[in-house]
Amino acid sequence: MTANPAILSDNAAMTSIPPSPSPQEADPMPVPPAQPDFELCCGNGCDPCIFDLHDLAMDAYRQALRAWRLRHPDAAPEAR
């Protein structure tokens, strides 16, 4: 009796364990928010202005980045 190749390949796929992600892959470094284009500002003194919202988003990004760096002290300098 010969083994069915389809069953063998299915069993191999089920028993293979994917590699564990690295700590940086499991917890990626935060990405800064995109800066709004100057043309998007209407110039009417809106409260909040799109640039005010960007400043708040940058503050949140900086806090997230500081926390990420504490969790990944051995990250490459360019990632820091």
C-alpha atoms as a PDB file:
ATOM      1  CA  MET A   1       0.000   0.000   0.000  1.00  0.00           C
ATOM      2  CA  THR A   2       1.397   3.413  -0.961  1.00  0.00           C
ATOM      3  CA  ALA A   3       0.762   6.652   0.862  1.00  0.00           C
ATOM      4  CA  ASN A   4      -1.382   9.269  -0.789  1.00  0.00           C
ATOM      5  CA  PRO A   5       0.910  12.285  -1.543  1.00  0.00           C
ATOM      6  CA  ALA A   6      -1.955  14.744  -1.001  1.00  0.00           C
ATOM      7  CA  ILE A   7      -2.507  13.451   2.520  1.00  0.00           C
ATOM      8  CA  LEU A   8       1.211  13.590   3.283  1.00  0.00           C
ATOM      9  CA  SER A   9       1.497  17.194   2.130  1.00  0.00           C
ATOM     10  CA  ASP A  10      -1.572  18.175   4.169  1.00  0.00           C
ATOM     11  CA  ASN A  11      -0.117  16.525   7.263  1.00  0.00           C
ATOM     12  CA  ALA A  12       3.224  18.256   6.739  1.00  0.00           C
ATOM     13  CA  ALA A  13       1.492  21.622   6.471  1.00  0.00           C
ATOM     14  CA  MET A  14      -0.480  20.996   9.648  1.00  0.00           C
ATOM     15  CA  THR A  15       2.532  19.968  11.694  1.00  0.00           C
ATOM     16  CA  SER A  16       4.923  22.690  10.556  1.00  0.00           C
ATOM     17  CA  ILE A  17       5.218  25.479  13.077  1.00  0.00           C
ATOM     18  CA  PRO A  18       5.671  28.982  11.708  1.00  0.00           C
ATOM     19  CA  PRO A  19       8.673  30.850  13.079  1.00  0.00           C
ATOM     20  CA  SER A  20       8.000  33.102  16.035  1.00  0.00           C
ATOM     21  CA  PRO A  21       8.017  36.786  15.154  1.00  0.00           C
ATOM     22  CA  SER A  22      10.861  38.854  16.517  1.00  0.00           C
ATOM     23  CA  PRO A  23       9.963  41.260  19.335  1.00  0.00           C
ATOM     24  CA  GLN A  24      10.059  44.177  16.878  1.00  0.00           C
ATOM     25  CA  GLU A  25       7.719  42.353  14.475  1.00  0.00           C
ATOM     26  CA  ALA A  26       5.290  41.514  17.276  1.00  0.00           C
ATOM     27  CA  ASP A  27       5.502  45.092  18.601  1.00  0.00           C
ATOM     28  CA  PRO A  28       6.418  47.325  15.640  1.00  0.00           C
ATOM     29  CA  MET A  29       8.000  50.724  16.134  1.00  0.00           C
ATOM     30  CA  PRO A  30       5.421  53.542  16.008  1.00  0.00           C
ATOM     31  CA  VAL A  31       5.212  55.512  12.766  1.00  0.00           C
ATOM     32  CA  PRO A  32       4.945  59.312  12.844  1.00  0.00           C
ATOM     33  CA  PRO A  33       1.756  60.861  11.500  1.00  0.00           C
ATOM     34  CA  ALA A  34       1.892  62.396   8.050  1.00  0.00           C
ATOM     35  CA  GLN A  35       2.282  66.160   8.087  1.00  0.00           C
ATOM     36  CA  PRO A  36      -0.694  67.920   6.484  1.00  0.00           C
ATOM     37  CA  ASP A  37      -0.075  69.918   3.331  1.00  0.00           C
ATOM     38  CA  PHE A  38      -0.015  73.671   3.812  1.00  0.00           C
ATOM     39  CA  GLU A  39      -2.645  73.999   1.070  1.00  0.00           C
ATOM     40  CA  LEU A  40      -5.142  72.061   3.211  1.00  0.00           C
ATOM     41  CA  CYS A  41      -5.281  74.837   5.805  1.00  0.00           C
ATOM     42  CA  CYS A  42      -8.134  77.238   5.078  1.00  0.00           C
ATOM     43  CA  GLY A  43      -6.451  80.093   6.973  1.00  0.00           C
ATOM     44  CA  ASN A  44      -9.638  80.979   8.861  1.00  0.00           C
ATOM     45  CA  GLY A  45      -8.239  80.338  12.333  1.00  0.00           C
ATOM     46  CA  CYS A  46     -10.180  77.115  12.895  1.00  0.00           C
ATOM     47  CA  ASP A  47     -10.114  75.680  16.386  1.00  0.00           C
ATOM     48  CA  PRO A  48      -8.644  73.161  16.127  1.00  0.00           C
ATOM     49  CA  CYS A  49      -6.626  73.808  13.000  1.00  0.00           C
ATOM     50  CA  ILE A  50      -5.321  70.809  11.050  1.00  0.00           C
ATOM     51  CA  PHE A  51      -1.840  71.798  12.234  1.00  0.00           C
ATOM     52  CA  ASP A  52      -3.021  71.761  15.869  1.00  0.00           C
ATOM     53  CA  LEU A  53      -4.349  68.242  15.299  1.00  0.00           C
ATOM     54  CA  HIS A  54      -1.026  67.239  13.760  1.00  0.00           C
ATOM     55  CA  ASP A  55       0.843  68.628  16.780  1.00  0.00           C
ATOM     56  CA  LEU A  56      -1.371  66.527  19.080  1.00  0.00           C
ATOM     57  CA  ALA A  57      -0.768  63.458  16.915  1.00  0.00           C
ATOM     58  CA  MET A  58       3.000  64.122  17.051  1.00  0.00           C
ATOM     59  CA  ASP A  59       2.835  64.359  20.865  1.00  0.00           C
ATOM     60  CA  ALA A  60       1.062  60.978  20.971  1.00  0.00           C
ATOM     61  CA  TYR A  61       3.622  59.535  18.541  1.00  0.00           C
ATOM     62  CA  ARG A  62       6.551  60.768  20.654  1.00  0.00           C
ATOM     63  CA  GLN A  63       5.022  59.227  23.787  1.00  0.00           C
ATOM     64  CA  ALA A  64       4.415  55.934  21.967  1.00  0.00           C
ATOM     65  CA  LEU A  65       7.970  55.972  20.610  1.00  0.00           C
ATOM     66  CA  ARG A  66       9.445  56.581  24.081  1.00  0.00           C
ATOM     67  CA  ALA A  67       7.416  53.673  25.464  1.00  0.00           C
ATOM     68  CA  TRP A  68       8.460  51.459  22.530  1.00  0.00           C
ATOM     69  CA  ARG A  69      12.137  52.299  23.110  1.00  0.00           C
ATOM     70  CA  LEU A  70      11.785  51.277  26.761  1.00  0.00           C
ATOM     71  CA  ARG A  71      10.323  47.946  25.648  1.00  0.00           C
ATOM     72  CA  HIS A  72      13.102  47.489  23.045  1.00  0.00           C
ATOM     73  CA  PRO A  73      16.317  48.804  24.655  1.00  0.00           C
ATOM     74  CA  ASP A  74      18.518  46.764  22.298  1.00  0.00           C
ATOM     75  CA  ALA A  75      16.847  48.029  19.099  1.00  0.00           C
ATOM     76  CA  ALA A  76      19.160  49.266  16.365  1.00  0.00           C
ATOM     77  CA  PRO A  77      20.165  52.942  16.763  1.00  0.00           C
ATOM     78  CA  GLU A  78      18.423  53.914  13.501  1.00  0.00           C
ATOM     79  CA  ALA A  79      15.218  52.513  14.989  1.00  0.00           C
ATOM     80  CA  ARG A  80      15.741  54.604  18.065  1.00  0.00           C
END
